[in-house]
Amino acid sequence: MSILVVDMDEVRHLAQGHSIEMGLERLRVVGQYVGSWWDAGRLCLEFGNVSGLAGAGGRAVLDVGERALERVRRTRAGFVEGAVCDMRCCVVGRDLEVMELRVLTLREVRALAEFLTGDAGREFMSLSSGALRHGGHGGLDRHGGLDRQGDEDAAL
């Protein structure tokens, strides 16, 4: 199960408190693209909270890994300011690095918002928050069943 984070303030603080050694290997972030710049040969992307998914005002800067850089360049047509993106990230040092990036359609954003406001979505976010507090992935749901990767992917 990937940990899903939609609040950019929370994203910003994750790399400061977690590392791969602490068990945080994957992280799924959904944010609204604000802008980008190059810093020391790395592409930095800034994201804000998506209205309806998280409170207003959060901002986070994520680095783009070399493997994801070409995919970002190829999707540049749909990757414009205001685009809502689904990113699979990992912690590298004290930075969050984007390994995969996909621009979501409006239909997908609406489906995600609907999922997160429902019972299953609230439970999923509770599991994600619990995994963050414990430094890694839960793996099993509260009933001892398999993780919710299928539910998460279906929502996106």
C-alpha atoms as a PDB file:
ATOM      1  CA  MET A   1       0.000   0.000   0.000  1.00  0.00           C
ATOM      2  CA  SER A   2       1.386   3.386  -0.911  1.00  0.00           C
ATOM      3  CA  ILE A   3       0.978   6.116   1.637  1.00  0.00           C
ATOM      4  CA  LEU A   4      -1.265   8.789   0.102  1.00  0.00           C
ATOM      5  CA  VAL A   5      -0.733  12.428   1.040  1.00  0.00           C
ATOM      6  CA  VAL A   6      -2.834  15.301  -0.326  1.00  0.00           C
ATOM      7  CA  ASP A   7      -1.772  18.037   2.133  1.00  0.00           C
ATOM      8  CA  MET A   8       1.360  19.795   0.881  1.00  0.00           C
ATOM      9  CA  ASP A   9       2.248  21.066   4.370  1.00  0.00           C
ATOM     10  CA  GLU A  10       2.463  17.427   5.464  1.00  0.00           C
ATOM     11  CA  VAL A  11       4.504  16.543   2.361  1.00  0.00           C
ATOM     12  CA  ARG A  12       6.971  19.331   3.138  1.00  0.00           C
ATOM     13  CA  HIS A  13       7.634  17.945   6.616  1.00  0.00           C
ATOM     14  CA  LEU A  14       7.927  14.271   5.621  1.00  0.00           C
ATOM     15  CA  ALA A  15      11.489  14.268   4.306  1.00  0.00           C
ATOM     16  CA  GLN A  16      12.662  16.061   7.435  1.00  0.00           C
ATOM     17  CA  GLY A  17      11.345  13.289   9.677  1.00  0.00           C
ATOM     18  CA  HIS A  18      11.589  10.161   7.553  1.00  0.00           C
ATOM     19  CA  SER A  19      14.161   8.373   5.469  1.00  0.00           C
ATOM     20  CA  ILE A  20      14.282   5.098   3.592  1.00  0.00           C
ATOM     21  CA  GLU A  21      16.196   3.640   6.540  1.00  0.00           C
ATOM     22  CA  MET A  22      13.190   4.447   8.743  1.00  0.00           C
ATOM     23  CA  GLY A  23      10.908   2.461   6.438  1.00  0.00           C
ATOM     24  CA  LEU A  24       9.318   5.153   4.263  1.00  0.00           C
ATOM     25  CA  GLU A  25      10.111   3.767   0.819  1.00  0.00           C
ATOM     26  CA  ARG A  26       7.131   4.931  -1.230  1.00  0.00           C
ATOM     27  CA  LEU A  27       4.815   7.832  -1.016  1.00  0.00           C
ATOM     28  CA  ARG A  28       1.968   8.830  -3.274  1.00  0.00           C
ATOM     29  CA  VAL A  29       1.355  12.577  -3.492  1.00  0.00           C
ATOM     30  CA  VAL A  30      -1.521  14.334  -5.246  1.00  0.00           C
ATOM     31  CA  GLY A  31      -0.986  18.057  -5.714  1.00  0.00           C
ATOM     32  CA  GLN A  32      -1.681  20.982  -8.024  1.00  0.00           C
ATOM     33  CA  TYR A  33       1.309  22.108 -10.105  1.00  0.00           C
ATOM     34  CA  VAL A  34       2.348  25.700  -9.334  1.00  0.00           C
ATOM     35  CA  GLY A  35       5.722  26.134 -11.056  1.00  0.00           C
ATOM     36  CA  SER A  36       9.225  24.788 -11.628  1.00  0.00           C
ATOM     37  CA  TRP A  37      12.871  25.825 -11.761  1.00  0.00           C
ATOM     38  CA  TRP A  38      16.316  24.283 -12.072  1.00  0.00           C
ATOM     39  CA  ASP A  39      18.534  24.148  -8.989  1.00  0.00           C
ATOM     40  CA  ALA A  40      22.045  22.651  -9.144  1.00  0.00           C
ATOM     41  CA  GLY A  41      21.144  20.564 -12.190  1.00  0.00           C
ATOM     42  CA  ARG A  42      17.907  19.205 -10.729  1.00  0.00           C
ATOM     43  CA  LEU A  43      14.381  20.056 -11.746  1.00  0.00           C
ATOM     44  CA  CYS A  44      12.337  21.287  -8.773  1.00  0.00           C
ATOM     45  CA  LEU A  45       8.544  21.249  -9.007  1.00  0.00           C
ATOM     46  CA  GLU A  46       6.318  23.221  -6.656  1.00  0.00           C
ATOM     47  CA  PHE A  47       2.866  21.924  -5.787  1.00  0.00           C
ATOM     48  CA  GLY A  48      -0.064  23.299  -3.827  1.00  0.00           C
ATOM     49  CA  ASN A  49      -3.085  21.690  -2.227  1.00  0.00           C
ATOM     50  CA  VAL A  50      -5.922  20.664  -4.524  1.00  0.00           C
ATOM     51  CA  SER A  51      -9.177  22.408  -3.641  1.00  0.00           C
ATOM     52  CA  GLY A  52     -11.600  19.834  -2.272  1.00  0.00           C
ATOM     53  CA  LEU A  53      -8.863  17.367  -1.268  1.00  0.00           C
ATOM     54  CA  ALA A  54      -7.040  19.400   1.388  1.00  0.00           C
ATOM     55  CA  GLY A  55      -7.210  22.765   3.113  1.00  0.00           C
ATOM     56  CA  ALA A  56      -5.997  25.889   1.328  1.00  0.00           C
ATOM     57  CA  GLY A  57      -2.483  27.241   1.423  1.00  0.00           C
ATOM     58  CA  GLY A  58      -0.132  24.257   1.549  1.00  0.00           C
ATOM     59  CA  ARG A  59       2.951  24.305  -0.694  1.00  0.00           C
ATOM     60  CA  ALA A  60       5.749  21.781  -1.221  1.00  0.00           C
ATOM     61  CA  VAL A  61       8.770  21.521  -3.514  1.00  0.00           C
ATOM     62  CA  LEU A  62       9.680  18.100  -4.916  1.00  0.00           C
ATOM     63  CA  ASP A  63      12.758  17.091  -6.925  1.00  0.00           C
ATOM     64  CA  VAL A  64      12.371  15.122 -10.139  1.00  0.00           C
ATOM     65  CA  GLY A  65      14.532  12.010 -10.439  1.00  0.00           C
ATOM     66  CA  GLU A  66      16.531  11.379 -13.591  1.00  0.00           C
ATOM     67  CA  ARG A  67      14.284   8.503 -14.635  1.00  0.00           C
ATOM     68  CA  ALA A  68      11.134  10.608 -14.245  1.00  0.00           C
ATOM     69  CA  LEU A  69      12.604  13.688 -15.933  1.00  0.00           C
ATOM     70  CA  GLU A  70      12.093  12.338 -19.452  1.00  0.00           C
ATOM     71  CA  ARG A  71       8.495  11.372 -18.667  1.00  0.00           C
ATOM     72  CA  VAL A  72       7.867  14.870 -17.308  1.00  0.00           C
ATOM     73  CA  ARG A  73       9.256  16.326 -20.534  1.00  0.00           C
ATOM     74  CA  ARG A  74       7.046  14.041 -22.644  1.00  0.00           C
ATOM     75  CA  THR A  75       3.900  14.967 -20.718  1.00  0.00           C
ATOM     76  CA  ARG A  76       4.732  18.672 -20.865  1.00  0.00           C
ATOM     77  CA  ALA A  77       1.693  19.312 -23.116  1.00  0.00           C
ATOM     78  CA  GLY A  78      -0.707  18.471 -20.272  1.00  0.00           C
ATOM     79  CA  PHE A  79       1.716  19.541 -17.574  1.00  0.00           C
ATOM     80  CA  VAL A  80       0.776  23.194 -17.224  1.00  0.00           C
ATOM     81  CA  GLU A  81       0.292  25.479 -14.241  1.00  0.00           C
ATOM     82  CA  GLY A  82      -2.830  24.371 -12.389  1.00  0.00           C
ATOM     83  CA  ALA A  83      -2.605  20.723 -13.511  1.00  0.00           C
ATOM     84  CA  VAL A  84      -3.403  18.174 -10.799  1.00  0.00           C
ATOM     85  CA  CYS A  85      -0.715  15.497 -10.653  1.00  0.00           C
ATOM     86  CA  ASP A  86      -0.453  12.030  -9.150  1.00  0.00           C
ATOM     87  CA  MET A  87       3.163  11.414  -8.158  1.00  0.00           C
ATOM     88  CA  ARG A  88       4.916   8.381  -6.789  1.00  0.00           C
ATOM     89  CA  CYS A  89       7.795   9.588  -4.666  1.00  0.00           C
ATOM     90  CA  CYS A  90      10.543   8.309  -2.417  1.00  0.00           C
ATOM     91  CA  VAL A  91      12.740   9.944   0.185  1.00  0.00           C
ATOM     92  CA  VAL A  92      16.306  10.616  -0.982  1.00  0.00           C
ATOM     93  CA  GLY A  93      18.420  12.143   1.756  1.00  0.00           C
ATOM     94  CA  ARG A  94      16.146  14.826   3.129  1.00  0.00           C
ATOM     95  CA  ASP A  95      14.322  15.488  -0.144  1.00  0.00           C
ATOM     96  CA  LEU A  96      11.244  13.934  -1.697  1.00  0.00           C
ATOM     97  CA  GLU A  97      12.020  12.806  -5.222  1.00  0.00           C
ATOM     98  CA  VAL A  98       9.358  12.232  -7.870  1.00  0.00           C
ATOM     99  CA  MET A  99       9.892   8.839  -9.504  1.00  0.00           C
ATOM    100  CA  GLU A 100       6.694   8.832 -11.584  1.00  0.00           C
ATOM    101  CA  LEU A 101       4.368  11.670 -12.473  1.00  0.00           C
ATOM    102  CA  ARG A 102       0.997  11.571 -14.181  1.00  0.00           C
ATOM    103  CA  VAL A 103      -1.365  14.457 -14.910  1.00  0.00           C
ATOM    104  CA  LEU A 104      -4.884  13.581 -13.734  1.00  0.00           C
ATOM    105  CA  THR A 105      -7.979  14.283 -15.787  1.00  0.00           C
ATOM    106  CA  LEU A 106     -10.836  16.267 -14.277  1.00  0.00           C
ATOM    107  CA  ARG A 107     -12.848  13.038 -14.077  1.00  0.00           C
ATOM    108  CA  GLU A 108     -10.049  11.378 -12.075  1.00  0.00           C
ATOM    109  CA  VAL A 109      -9.794  14.361  -9.706  1.00  0.00           C
ATOM    110  CA  ARG A 110     -13.545  14.243  -9.094  1.00  0.00           C
ATOM    111  CA  ALA A 111     -13.426  10.471  -8.525  1.00  0.00           C
ATOM    112  CA  LEU A 112     -10.569  10.879  -6.045  1.00  0.00           C
ATOM    113  CA  ALA A 113     -12.427  13.637  -4.171  1.00  0.00           C
ATOM    114  CA  GLU A 114     -15.538  11.447  -4.041  1.00  0.00           C
ATOM    115  CA  PHE A 115     -13.496   8.475  -2.828  1.00  0.00           C
ATOM    116  CA  LEU A 116     -11.727  10.490  -0.105  1.00  0.00           C
ATOM    117  CA  THR A 117     -14.978  11.922   1.258  1.00  0.00           C
ATOM    118  CA  GLY A 118     -16.575   8.467   1.479  1.00  0.00           C
ATOM    119  CA  ASP A 119     -16.183   5.909   4.265  1.00  0.00           C
ATOM    120  CA  ALA A 120     -13.589   3.838   2.377  1.00  0.00           C
ATOM    121  CA  GLY A 121     -11.550   6.951   1.578  1.00  0.00           C
ATOM    122  CA  ARG A 122     -11.576   8.185   5.158  1.00  0.00           C
ATOM    123  CA  GLU A 123     -10.471   4.741   6.325  1.00  0.00           C
ATOM    124  CA  PHE A 124      -7.738   4.654   3.676  1.00  0.00           C
ATOM    125  CA  MET A 125      -6.447   8.098   4.714  1.00  0.00           C
ATOM    126  CA  SER A 126      -6.527   6.988   8.342  1.00  0.00           C
ATOM    127  CA  LEU A 127      -4.363   3.981   7.424  1.00  0.00           C
ATOM    128  CA  SER A 128      -1.995   6.268   5.487  1.00  0.00           C
ATOM    129  CA  SER A 129      -1.703   8.630   8.452  1.00  0.00           C
ATOM    130  CA  GLY A 130      -1.084   5.711  10.793  1.00  0.00           C
ATOM    131  CA  ALA A 131       1.643   4.362   8.516  1.00  0.00           C
ATOM    132  CA  LEU A 132       3.325   7.776   8.505  1.00  0.00           C
ATOM    133  CA  ARG A 133       3.235   7.957  12.286  1.00  0.00           C
ATOM    134  CA  HIS A 134       4.821   4.505  12.491  1.00  0.00           C
ATOM    135  CA  GLY A 135       7.489   5.195   9.857  1.00  0.00           C
ATOM    136  CA  GLY A 136       6.362   2.832   7.116  1.00  0.00           C
ATOM    137  CA  HIS A 137       3.670   0.822   5.457  1.00  0.00           C
ATOM    138  CA  GLY A 138       0.882  -0.975   7.216  1.00  0.00           C
ATOM    139  CA  GLY A 139       0.588  -3.820   4.687  1.00  0.00           C
ATOM    140  CA  LEU A 140      -2.620  -5.227   6.172  1.00  0.00           C
ATOM    141  CA  ASP A 141      -5.939  -3.550   6.677  1.00  0.00           C
ATOM    142  CA  ARG A 142      -7.615  -3.356  10.094  1.00  0.00           C
ATOM    143  CA  HIS A 143      -9.356  -6.690   9.446  1.00  0.00           C
ATOM    144  CA  GLY A 144      -6.042  -8.447   8.719  1.00  0.00           C
ATOM    145  CA  GLY A 145      -6.727  -8.558   4.981  1.00  0.00           C
ATOM    146  CA  LEU A 146      -4.463  -7.521   2.157  1.00  0.00           C
ATOM    147  CA  ASP A 147      -3.582  -3.877   1.699  1.00  0.00           C
ATOM    148  CA  ARG A 148      -5.760  -1.460  -0.258  1.00  0.00           C
ATOM    149  CA  GLN A 149      -3.530  -0.891  -3.324  1.00  0.00           C
ATOM    150  CA  GLY A 150      -6.396  -1.857  -5.639  1.00  0.00           C
ATOM    151  CA  ASP A 151      -8.782   0.614  -3.986  1.00  0.00           C
ATOM    152  CA  GLU A 152      -6.172   3.353  -4.191  1.00  0.00           C
ATOM    153  CA  ASP A 153      -5.454   2.731  -7.882  1.00  0.00           C
ATOM    154  CA  ALA A 154      -9.173   2.501  -8.673  1.00  0.00           C
ATOM    155  CA  ALA A 155      -9.681   5.947  -7.155  1.00  0.00           C
ATOM    156  CA  LEU A 156      -6.972   7.395  -9.396  1.00  0.00           C
END
